[in-house]
Amino acid sequence: FMALQTMRDDEHESFDAASSDSYRAFRFAMGDRLLPDYGKEGTIFEYRGGRLCVTMLGPVVCCLLVIMFKMEVDVTLTKIEEIPNHFLAWSSSVLAAFALPELFVVVQELMRRFFLLKT
């Protein structure tokens, strides 16, 4: 949706996230608990005025999760159609979906230990 919003705007340098349609939708759903800026330390939740609020990182994470879920469903359905053993196709997709975040940590540690992997 952000790509469509960006294409509609003529000036890319002056993009204001608070004036976008997606921000208005999240603001409508969350009210004044949605903060118009990112957290100081990259946090999703912050306390402001004694209330728990969501920074702009919250909607970003939500959008990424929705996109990831939609893509995972598509890949799983394609595997089920192509692989004759449906259980094998489904279970491999589930295993990949749950193992992917941990693989980022493994790759990060490998990059830290073996500096030649970065090039």
N, C-alpha and C. Protein backbone atom coordinates (compact mmCIF):
# COMPACT_ATOMS: atom_id res chain seq x y z
N PHE A 1 0.82 -1.18 0.00
CA PHE A 1 0.00 0.00 0.00
C PHE A 1 0.87 1.25 0.00
N MET A 2 1.99 1.17 0.67
CA MET A 2 2.90 2.33 0.71
C MET A 2 3.44 2.64 -0.69
N ALA A 3 3.59 1.61 -1.52
CA ALA A 3 4.08 1.85 -2.88
C ALA A 3 3.06 2.66 -3.67
N LEU A 4 1.78 2.34 -3.52
CA LEU A 4 0.75 3.11 -4.20
C LEU A 4 0.71 4.55 -3.69
N GLN A 5 0.85 4.70 -2.38
CA GLN A 5 0.86 6.04 -1.79
C GLN A 5 2.05 6.84 -2.31
N THR A 6 3.19 6.20 -2.43
CA THR A 6 4.39 6.87 -2.91
C THR A 6 4.25 7.26 -4.38
N MET A 7 3.63 6.38 -5.18
CA MET A 7 3.44 6.71 -6.59
C MET A 7 2.48 7.88 -6.77
N ARG A 8 1.50 8.02 -5.88
CA ARG A 8 0.56 9.13 -5.99
C ARG A 8 1.21 10.46 -5.64
N ASP A 9 2.18 10.45 -4.75
CA ASP A 9 2.84 11.68 -4.34
C ASP A 9 3.84 12.13 -5.40
N ASP A 10 3.87 13.43 -5.64
CA ASP A 10 4.82 13.98 -6.61
C ASP A 10 6.18 14.22 -5.99
N GLU A 11 6.20 14.68 -4.75
CA GLU A 11 7.46 15.00 -4.08
C GLU A 11 7.79 13.89 -3.09
N HIS A 12 8.81 13.11 -3.40
CA HIS A 12 9.18 12.00 -2.53
C HIS A 12 9.95 12.45 -1.30
N GLU A 13 10.63 13.57 -1.39
CA GLU A 13 11.43 14.04 -0.27
C GLU A 13 10.56 14.54 0.88
N SER A 14 9.38 15.01 0.59
CA SER A 14 8.54 15.60 1.63
C SER A 14 7.45 14.65 2.09
N PHE A 15 7.70 13.34 2.06
CA PHE A 15 6.69 12.37 2.48
C PHE A 15 6.51 12.45 3.99
N ASP A 16 5.28 12.59 4.40
CA ASP A 16 4.94 12.64 5.81
C ASP A 16 4.08 11.42 6.13
N ALA A 17 4.59 10.52 6.94
CA ALA A 17 3.87 9.29 7.25
C ALA A 17 2.54 9.57 7.94
N ALA A 18 2.47 10.65 8.69
CA ALA A 18 1.23 10.96 9.42
C ALA A 18 0.10 11.37 8.49
N SER A 19 0.40 11.73 7.25
CA SER A 19 -0.66 12.11 6.32
C SER A 19 -1.04 10.97 5.38
N SER A 20 -0.46 9.79 5.54
CA SER A 20 -0.76 8.67 4.66
C SER A 20 -2.05 7.97 5.09
N ASP A 21 -2.64 7.25 4.16
CA ASP A 21 -3.89 6.53 4.44
C ASP A 21 -3.66 5.39 5.43
N SER A 22 -2.53 4.72 5.32
CA SER A 22 -2.26 3.60 6.24
C SER A 22 -2.10 4.10 7.67
N TYR A 23 -1.45 5.25 7.85
CA TYR A 23 -1.31 5.81 9.19
C TYR A 23 -2.68 6.19 9.75
N ARG A 24 -3.53 6.77 8.90
CA ARG A 24 -4.88 7.13 9.36
C ARG A 24 -5.67 5.89 9.77
N ALA A 25 -5.50 4.78 9.04
CA ALA A 25 -6.21 3.55 9.40
C ALA A 25 -5.74 3.03 10.75
N PHE A 26 -4.42 2.99 10.97
CA PHE A 26 -3.91 2.56 12.27
C PHE A 26 -4.31 3.53 13.38
N ARG A 27 -4.32 4.80 13.06
CA ARG A 27 -4.70 5.81 14.05
C ARG A 27 -6.18 5.66 14.43
N PHE A 28 -7.02 5.34 13.45
CA PHE A 28 -8.44 5.12 13.71
C PHE A 28 -8.64 3.90 14.61
N ALA A 29 -7.85 2.85 14.37
CA ALA A 29 -7.98 1.62 15.15
C ALA A 29 -7.42 1.76 16.56
N MET A 30 -6.33 2.51 16.71
CA MET A 30 -5.64 2.57 18.00
C MET A 30 -5.87 3.87 18.76
N GLY A 31 -6.37 4.87 18.10
CA GLY A 31 -6.62 6.14 18.78
C GLY A 31 -5.34 6.87 19.11
N ASP A 32 -5.33 7.54 20.26
CA ASP A 32 -4.15 8.33 20.63
C ASP A 32 -3.04 7.49 21.25
N ARG A 33 -3.23 6.18 21.27
CA ARG A 33 -2.16 5.30 21.77
C ARG A 33 -1.09 5.03 20.69
N LEU A 34 -1.36 5.42 19.46
CA LEU A 34 -0.37 5.29 18.39
C LEU A 34 0.47 6.56 18.36
N LEU A 35 1.74 6.41 18.60
CA LEU A 35 2.65 7.56 18.60
C LEU A 35 3.15 7.83 17.18
N PRO A 36 3.28 9.08 16.79
CA PRO A 36 3.69 9.39 15.41
C PRO A 36 5.19 9.31 15.17
N ASP A 37 5.95 8.69 16.08
CA ASP A 37 7.39 8.59 15.89
C ASP A 37 7.86 7.21 16.35
N TYR A 38 9.11 6.91 16.03
CA TYR A 38 9.72 5.65 16.45
C TYR A 38 10.25 5.79 17.87
N GLY A 39 10.41 4.66 18.54
CA GLY A 39 10.94 4.69 19.89
C GLY A 39 12.40 5.10 19.92
N LYS A 40 12.83 5.55 21.07
CA LYS A 40 14.21 6.03 21.20
C LYS A 40 15.22 4.90 21.04
N GLU A 41 14.87 3.73 21.51
CA GLU A 41 15.78 2.59 21.45
C GLU A 41 15.25 1.48 20.54
N GLY A 42 14.40 1.82 19.60
CA GLY A 42 13.84 0.84 18.68
C GLY A 42 12.79 -0.04 19.31
N THR A 43 12.06 0.50 20.27
CA THR A 43 11.03 -0.28 20.95
C THR A 43 9.69 -0.12 20.24
N ILE A 44 8.85 -1.11 20.42
CA ILE A 44 7.51 -1.06 19.85
C ILE A 44 6.55 -0.39 20.82
N PHE A 45 6.73 -0.66 22.11
CA PHE A 45 5.84 -0.11 23.12
C PHE A 45 6.60 0.88 24.00
N GLU A 46 5.92 1.96 24.37
CA GLU A 46 6.49 2.96 25.28
C GLU A 46 5.39 3.46 26.20
N TYR A 47 5.82 3.85 27.39
CA TYR A 47 4.89 4.49 28.33
C TYR A 47 4.99 5.99 28.16
N ARG A 48 3.88 6.64 27.87
CA ARG A 48 3.83 8.09 27.78
C ARG A 48 2.59 8.57 28.53
N GLY A 49 2.80 9.40 29.47
CA GLY A 49 1.69 9.91 30.26
C GLY A 49 1.03 8.84 31.11
N GLY A 50 1.81 7.82 31.50
CA GLY A 50 1.26 6.74 32.31
C GLY A 50 0.46 5.72 31.52
N ARG A 51 0.46 5.83 30.19
CA ARG A 51 -0.29 4.89 29.34
C ARG A 51 0.68 4.14 28.44
N LEU A 52 0.33 2.89 28.16
CA LEU A 52 1.12 2.08 27.24
C LEU A 52 0.73 2.47 25.82
N CYS A 53 1.70 2.93 25.04
CA CYS A 53 1.45 3.38 23.67
C CYS A 53 2.30 2.55 22.70
N VAL A 54 1.91 2.60 21.44
CA VAL A 54 2.62 1.87 20.38
C VAL A 54 3.33 2.89 19.50
N THR A 55 4.62 2.66 19.23
CA THR A 55 5.36 3.55 18.34
C THR A 55 5.05 3.16 16.89
N MET A 56 5.63 3.87 15.96
CA MET A 56 5.40 3.57 14.53
C MET A 56 5.99 2.22 14.13
N LEU A 57 6.86 1.67 14.96
CA LEU A 57 7.40 0.35 14.67
C LEU A 57 6.33 -0.73 14.79
N GLY A 58 5.32 -0.50 15.60
CA GLY A 58 4.22 -1.46 15.75
C GLY A 58 3.47 -1.72 14.46
N PRO A 59 2.98 -0.68 13.76
CA PRO A 59 2.33 -0.91 12.47
C PRO A 59 3.26 -1.52 11.42
N VAL A 60 4.55 -1.18 11.48
CA VAL A 60 5.51 -1.77 10.53
C VAL A 60 5.60 -3.27 10.75
N VAL A 61 5.72 -3.68 12.01
CA VAL A 61 5.79 -5.11 12.32
C VAL A 61 4.50 -5.82 11.93
N CYS A 62 3.36 -5.19 12.19
CA CYS A 62 2.07 -5.79 11.80
C CYS A 62 1.98 -5.99 10.30
N CYS A 63 2.38 -5.00 9.54
CA CYS A 63 2.34 -5.11 8.07
C CYS A 63 3.27 -6.22 7.58
N LEU A 64 4.45 -6.30 8.15
CA LEU A 64 5.39 -7.36 7.74
C LEU A 64 4.86 -8.74 8.09
N LEU A 65 4.23 -8.88 9.25
CA LEU A 65 3.66 -10.18 9.63
C LEU A 65 2.52 -10.59 8.70
N VAL A 66 1.67 -9.64 8.32
CA VAL A 66 0.57 -9.95 7.40
C VAL A 66 1.12 -10.38 6.04
N ILE A 67 2.12 -9.65 5.55
CA ILE A 67 2.71 -10.01 4.26
C ILE A 67 3.38 -11.38 4.34
N MET A 68 4.11 -11.64 5.42
CA MET A 68 4.77 -12.94 5.58
C MET A 68 3.75 -14.07 5.64
N PHE A 69 2.64 -13.85 6.35
CA PHE A 69 1.61 -14.87 6.45
C PHE A 69 0.99 -15.16 5.08
N LYS A 70 0.69 -14.12 4.32
CA LYS A 70 0.10 -14.32 3.00
C LYS A 70 1.05 -15.05 2.06
N MET A 71 2.33 -14.70 2.12
CA MET A 71 3.30 -15.38 1.27
C MET A 71 3.50 -16.83 1.69
N GLU A 72 3.47 -17.09 2.99
CA GLU A 72 3.64 -18.46 3.48
C GLU A 72 2.48 -19.35 3.05
N VAL A 73 1.27 -18.81 3.06
CA VAL A 73 0.11 -19.58 2.60
C VAL A 73 0.27 -19.93 1.13
N ASP A 74 0.72 -18.99 0.34
CA ASP A 74 0.90 -19.22 -1.09
C ASP A 74 1.95 -20.31 -1.34
N VAL A 75 3.06 -20.23 -0.64
CA VAL A 75 4.13 -21.23 -0.81
C VAL A 75 3.65 -22.61 -0.36
N THR A 76 2.93 -22.65 0.74
CA THR A 76 2.44 -23.93 1.25
C THR A 76 1.45 -24.56 0.27
N LEU A 77 0.54 -23.78 -0.26
CA LEU A 77 -0.42 -24.32 -1.23
C LEU A 77 0.27 -24.79 -2.49
N THR A 78 1.30 -24.09 -2.94
CA THR A 78 2.05 -24.52 -4.11
C THR A 78 2.76 -25.83 -3.85
N LYS A 79 3.35 -25.97 -2.66
CA LYS A 79 4.02 -27.22 -2.31
C LYS A 79 3.03 -28.37 -2.26
N ILE A 80 1.87 -28.14 -1.68
CA ILE A 80 0.87 -29.21 -1.56
C ILE A 80 0.40 -29.65 -2.95
N GLU A 81 0.29 -28.71 -3.89
CA GLU A 81 -0.12 -29.07 -5.25
C GLU A 81 0.98 -29.82 -5.99
N GLU A 82 2.24 -29.51 -5.73
CA GLU A 82 3.34 -30.10 -6.50
C GLU A 82 3.91 -31.37 -5.89
N ILE A 83 3.95 -31.48 -4.58
CA ILE A 83 4.53 -32.66 -3.93
C ILE A 83 3.42 -33.67 -3.67
N PRO A 84 3.61 -34.93 -4.10
CA PRO A 84 2.53 -35.91 -3.96
C PRO A 84 2.16 -36.22 -2.50
N ASN A 85 3.13 -36.19 -1.60
CA ASN A 85 2.85 -36.47 -0.19
C ASN A 85 2.46 -35.16 0.49
N HIS A 86 1.17 -34.97 0.76
CA HIS A 86 0.67 -33.72 1.30
C HIS A 86 1.20 -33.44 2.71
N PHE A 87 1.34 -34.47 3.53
CA PHE A 87 1.86 -34.25 4.87
C PHE A 87 3.29 -33.75 4.83
N LEU A 88 4.10 -34.32 3.96
CA LEU A 88 5.48 -33.88 3.82
C LEU A 88 5.55 -32.43 3.35
N ALA A 89 4.71 -32.05 2.40
CA ALA A 89 4.70 -30.68 1.90
C ALA A 89 4.28 -29.70 3.00
N TRP A 90 3.22 -30.02 3.72
CA TRP A 90 2.73 -29.12 4.77
C TRP A 90 3.72 -29.03 5.93
N SER A 91 4.24 -30.17 6.38
CA SER A 91 5.14 -30.15 7.54
C SER A 91 6.46 -29.45 7.21
N SER A 92 6.94 -29.55 5.98
CA SER A 92 8.17 -28.84 5.64
C SER A 92 7.95 -27.33 5.66
N SER A 93 6.77 -26.88 5.24
CA SER A 93 6.47 -25.45 5.29
C SER A 93 6.35 -24.96 6.72
N VAL A 94 5.72 -25.73 7.57
CA VAL A 94 5.58 -25.35 8.97
C VAL A 94 6.95 -25.30 9.64
N LEU A 95 7.79 -26.30 9.39
CA LEU A 95 9.13 -26.31 9.97
C LEU A 95 9.95 -25.12 9.49
N ALA A 96 9.85 -24.79 8.21
CA ALA A 96 10.59 -23.64 7.68
C ALA A 96 10.10 -22.33 8.29
N ALA A 97 8.79 -22.21 8.49
CA ALA A 97 8.25 -20.98 9.06
C ALA A 97 8.71 -20.78 10.50
N PHE A 98 8.79 -21.88 11.26
CA PHE A 98 9.21 -21.75 12.66
C PHE A 98 10.73 -21.67 12.81
N ALA A 99 11.48 -22.21 11.85
CA ALA A 99 12.94 -22.23 11.96
C ALA A 99 13.58 -20.96 11.41
N LEU A 100 12.87 -20.22 10.57
CA LEU A 100 13.47 -19.06 9.92
C LEU A 100 13.99 -18.00 10.89
N PRO A 101 13.25 -17.58 11.91
CA PRO A 101 13.81 -16.57 12.82
C PRO A 101 15.08 -17.04 13.54
N GLU A 102 15.15 -18.32 13.90
CA GLU A 102 16.34 -18.82 14.56
C GLU A 102 17.53 -18.87 13.61
N LEU A 103 17.26 -19.08 12.33
CA LEU A 103 18.35 -19.11 11.37
C LEU A 103 19.01 -17.74 11.22
N PHE A 104 18.26 -16.67 11.41
CA PHE A 104 18.86 -15.33 11.38
C PHE A 104 19.89 -15.19 12.50
N VAL A 105 19.58 -15.72 13.66
CA VAL A 105 20.51 -15.66 14.79
C VAL A 105 21.76 -16.49 14.48
N VAL A 106 21.57 -17.65 13.87
CA VAL A 106 22.71 -18.52 13.53
C VAL A 106 23.61 -17.82 12.52
N VAL A 107 23.01 -17.22 11.48
CA VAL A 107 23.80 -16.53 10.47
C VAL A 107 24.52 -15.32 11.07
N GLN A 108 23.85 -14.60 11.96
CA GLN A 108 24.48 -13.46 12.61
C GLN A 108 25.70 -13.90 13.42
N GLU A 109 25.58 -14.99 14.13
CA GLU A 109 26.71 -15.50 14.91
C GLU A 109 27.84 -15.98 13.99
N LEU A 110 27.49 -16.63 12.88
CA LEU A 110 28.51 -17.06 11.93
C LEU A 110 29.25 -15.86 11.33
N MET A 111 28.51 -14.81 11.02
CA MET A 111 29.15 -13.60 10.48
C MET A 111 30.06 -12.95 11.50
N ARG A 112 29.68 -13.03 12.77
CA ARG A 112 30.51 -12.44 13.81
C ARG A 112 31.80 -13.23 13.98
N ARG A 113 31.70 -14.55 13.95
CA ARG A 113 32.88 -15.39 14.18
C ARG A 113 33.80 -15.45 12.98
N PHE A 114 33.23 -15.56 11.79
CA PHE A 114 34.03 -15.72 10.57
C PHE A 114 33.87 -14.46 9.71
N PHE A 115 34.78 -13.54 9.86
CA PHE A 115 34.65 -12.24 9.22
C PHE A 115 34.70 -12.32 7.70
N LEU A 116 35.27 -13.38 7.12
CA LEU A 116 35.33 -13.50 5.66
C LEU A 116 33.99 -13.83 5.04
N LEU A 117 33.02 -14.23 5.83
CA LEU A 117 31.68 -14.50 5.30
C LEU A 117 30.95 -13.21 4.92
N LYS A 118 31.39 -12.10 5.45
CA LYS A 118 30.72 -10.82 5.17
C LYS A 118 30.97 -10.33 3.76
N THR A 119 32.05 -10.75 3.13
CA THR A 119 32.37 -10.24 1.79
C THR A 119 31.72 -11.05 0.71
